[in-house]
Protein backbone atom coordinates (compact mmCIF):
# COMPACT_ATOMS: atom_id res chain seq x y z
CA MET A 1 82.76 124.51 -81.98
CA ARG A 2 82.66 125.50 -78.46
CA THR A 3 85.72 125.32 -75.99
CA PHE A 4 85.05 124.24 -72.39
CA MET A 5 87.28 123.62 -69.70
CA PHE A 6 87.06 121.35 -66.72
CA SER A 7 89.22 121.18 -63.43
CA ILE A 8 89.21 119.40 -60.29
CA SER A 9 91.12 120.81 -57.46
CA ARG A 10 92.73 119.16 -54.32
CA PRO A 11 95.10 120.17 -52.07
CA LYS A 12 98.38 120.88 -53.89
CA LYS A 13 96.92 118.84 -56.94
CA THR A 14 95.03 120.61 -60.03
CA PHE A 15 94.07 118.47 -63.09
CA ALA A 16 92.49 120.42 -66.21
CA ILE A 17 91.06 118.78 -69.48
CA VAL A 18 90.57 121.19 -72.15
CA SER A 19 89.25 120.89 -75.59
CA SER A 20 91.30 120.30 -78.91
CA ASN A 21 91.06 124.08 -79.98
CA GLN A 22 92.66 125.55 -77.21
CA ARG A 23 96.62 126.36 -77.25
CA ALA A 24 98.99 123.31 -76.57
CA ALA A 25 100.48 123.74 -73.10
CA PRO A 26 104.07 123.01 -72.54
CA ALA A 27 105.55 119.73 -72.47
CA SER A 28 106.54 120.14 -68.95
CA SER A 29 103.00 120.94 -67.68
CA ILE A 30 101.64 118.28 -69.42
CA HIS A 31 104.34 115.66 -67.91
CA LYS A 32 103.53 117.13 -64.39
CA CYS A 33 99.68 116.68 -64.86
CA GLY A 34 100.15 113.56 -66.11
CA SER A 35 102.45 112.14 -63.25
CA ASN A 36 100.03 113.53 -60.67
CA PHE A 37 97.35 112.00 -62.28
CA LEU A 38 99.20 108.38 -62.21
CA GLN A 39 99.94 109.07 -58.38
CA LEU A 40 96.38 109.71 -57.67
CA SER A 41 95.12 106.48 -59.34
CA ARG A 42 97.64 104.23 -57.76
CA LYS A 43 96.26 104.87 -54.56
CA GLU A 44 94.67 102.18 -53.05
CA ASP A 45 91.84 103.59 -51.31
CA GLY A 46 88.47 101.44 -51.07
CA ASN A 47 90.07 98.28 -52.30
CA VAL A 48 89.73 96.59 -49.31
CA GLU A 49 85.85 97.19 -48.94
CA SER A 50 85.42 96.57 -52.54
CA ALA A 51 87.25 92.95 -51.69
CA LEU A 52 85.06 92.52 -48.59
CA VAL A 53 81.72 93.08 -50.71
CA LEU A 54 82.73 91.18 -53.98
CA ILE A 55 84.25 88.09 -52.31
CA PRO A 56 81.37 87.07 -50.46
CA MET A 57 78.88 88.14 -53.33
CA LEU A 58 80.86 85.88 -55.93
CA ILE A 59 80.72 82.91 -53.56
CA LEU A 60 76.88 83.36 -53.43
CA PHE A 61 76.67 83.60 -57.06
CA LEU A 62 78.81 80.39 -57.57
CA ILE A 63 76.75 78.57 -54.97
CA GLY A 64 73.50 79.66 -56.85
CA VAL A 65 74.91 78.75 -60.23
CA GLN A 66 75.71 74.98 -58.67
CA LEU A 67 72.56 74.63 -57.61
CA ILE A 68 71.01 75.54 -61.22
CA VAL A 69 73.63 73.20 -62.78
CA ALA A 70 72.90 70.42 -60.36
CA THR A 71 69.33 70.84 -61.16
CA ASN A 72 69.27 70.80 -64.72
CA ILE A 73 72.01 67.82 -64.77
CA ARG A 74 69.31 65.99 -62.53
CA ASN A 75 66.41 66.75 -65.20
CA ILE A 76 68.57 65.90 -68.23
CA GLU A 77 69.74 62.54 -66.54
CA MET A 78 66.06 61.73 -65.59
CA ALA A 79 64.96 62.13 -69.12
CA LEU A 80 67.76 59.94 -70.35
CA ALA A 81 67.28 57.24 -68.06
CA GLN A 82 63.46 57.43 -68.64
CA GLY A 83 64.05 56.87 -72.08
CA ASP A 84 66.51 54.11 -71.81
CA ALA A 85 64.09 52.15 -69.39
CA SER A 86 61.64 52.77 -72.04
CA ALA A 87 64.00 51.52 -74.91
CA ARG A 88 65.02 48.73 -72.99
CA ALA A 89 61.53 47.44 -71.97
CA ILE A 90 60.29 47.20 -75.52
CA SER A 91 63.42 45.36 -76.90
CA HIS A 92 63.74 43.01 -74.20
CA GLN A 93 67.34 43.73 -73.80
CA TYR A 94 68.63 44.42 -69.93
CA GLN A 95 71.91 45.54 -68.45
CA SER A 96 73.38 44.16 -65.32
CA GLY A 97 72.04 47.00 -63.09
CA ASP A 98 68.50 46.90 -64.45
CA GLU A 99 65.61 45.43 -61.89
CA VAL A 100 62.59 43.74 -63.05
CA LEU A 101 59.94 43.68 -60.50
CA GLU A 102 56.50 42.06 -60.88
CA VAL A 103 53.01 43.77 -59.83
CA GLY A 104 49.67 42.61 -60.21
CA GLY A 105 47.09 40.42 -58.64
CA ARG A 106 45.68 36.99 -59.53
CA ILE A 107 44.51 37.53 -63.00
CA GLU A 108 47.10 39.68 -64.86
CA LYS A 109 50.90 40.21 -63.26
CA ILE A 110 52.60 43.39 -64.89
CA GLN A 111 56.36 43.31 -65.39
CA ILE A 112 58.23 46.44 -64.41
CA LEU A 113 61.59 47.53 -65.46
CA VAL A 114 63.51 50.04 -63.25
CA THR A 115 66.86 51.47 -64.40
CA HIS A 116 69.43 53.30 -62.81
CA ARG A 117 71.87 56.47 -63.76
CA THR A 118 74.24 58.12 -61.67
CA ARG A 119 76.60 60.99 -62.65
CA THR A 120 79.17 62.94 -60.65
CA LEU A 121 78.14 66.51 -60.57
CA PRO A 122 80.87 69.42 -61.49
CA GLN A 123 82.16 71.54 -58.57
CA LEU A 124 82.10 75.18 -59.09
CA VAL A 125 82.76 76.42 -55.60
CA PRO A 126 86.11 74.89 -54.40
CA GLY A 127 85.56 73.07 -51.06
CA LEU A 128 81.75 73.07 -51.05
CA ALA A 129 81.76 69.31 -51.45
CA VAL A 130 83.82 68.94 -48.34
CA LEU A 131 81.40 70.97 -46.20
CA MET A 132 78.49 68.99 -47.71
CA GLY A 133 80.08 65.77 -46.67
CA GLY A 134 80.76 63.98 -49.75
CA ASN A 135 80.91 64.02 -53.61
CA PRO A 136 78.10 65.46 -55.10
CA GLU A 137 76.15 63.04 -57.82
CA SER A 138 73.03 62.88 -59.47
CA ASP A 139 71.27 59.33 -59.02
CA VAL A 140 68.18 58.88 -60.99
CA LEU A 141 65.46 56.25 -61.80
CA GLY A 142 63.77 55.11 -65.15
CA ILE A 143 60.58 53.07 -65.02
CA ALA A 144 59.06 51.47 -67.79
CA VAL A 145 56.47 48.77 -68.07
CA ILE A 146 57.62 45.62 -69.95
CA GLU A 147 55.75 44.60 -72.98
CA PRO A 148 54.43 41.14 -72.99
CA THR A 149 55.93 38.98 -75.73
CA ASN A 150 53.79 37.27 -78.36
CA PRO A 151 54.62 33.25 -78.37
């Protein structure tokens, strides 16, 4: 097994890392080395610079996640609204918020069912909704052709 020694020297401070097969140092020198290491690790050099970089990056990341979540919620709500519209158009069971439109000419008129679905979006960035001017929500439409009934 090889022995190695690694040391870092600074003014008035020396740290040494030695392998286990070297002779043990006296307890007082180990305590002194440990206390110097703790003093060095307690310094806060660079913490302000890290915070100045990390906080804007975290806010930018959360805004990106907010946009992704909003897009996915809108897509899910659109699929659900379209499914609701299709099911109601086939079964002729309408709800109070549904709209029935008649489209067509002289020969045949087609009835179209329009359903609305609204959901409030979660807020991942505190205060972003206030800056945007309101409570963010997803409002989607579902459209389906109403099947004619046989008399």
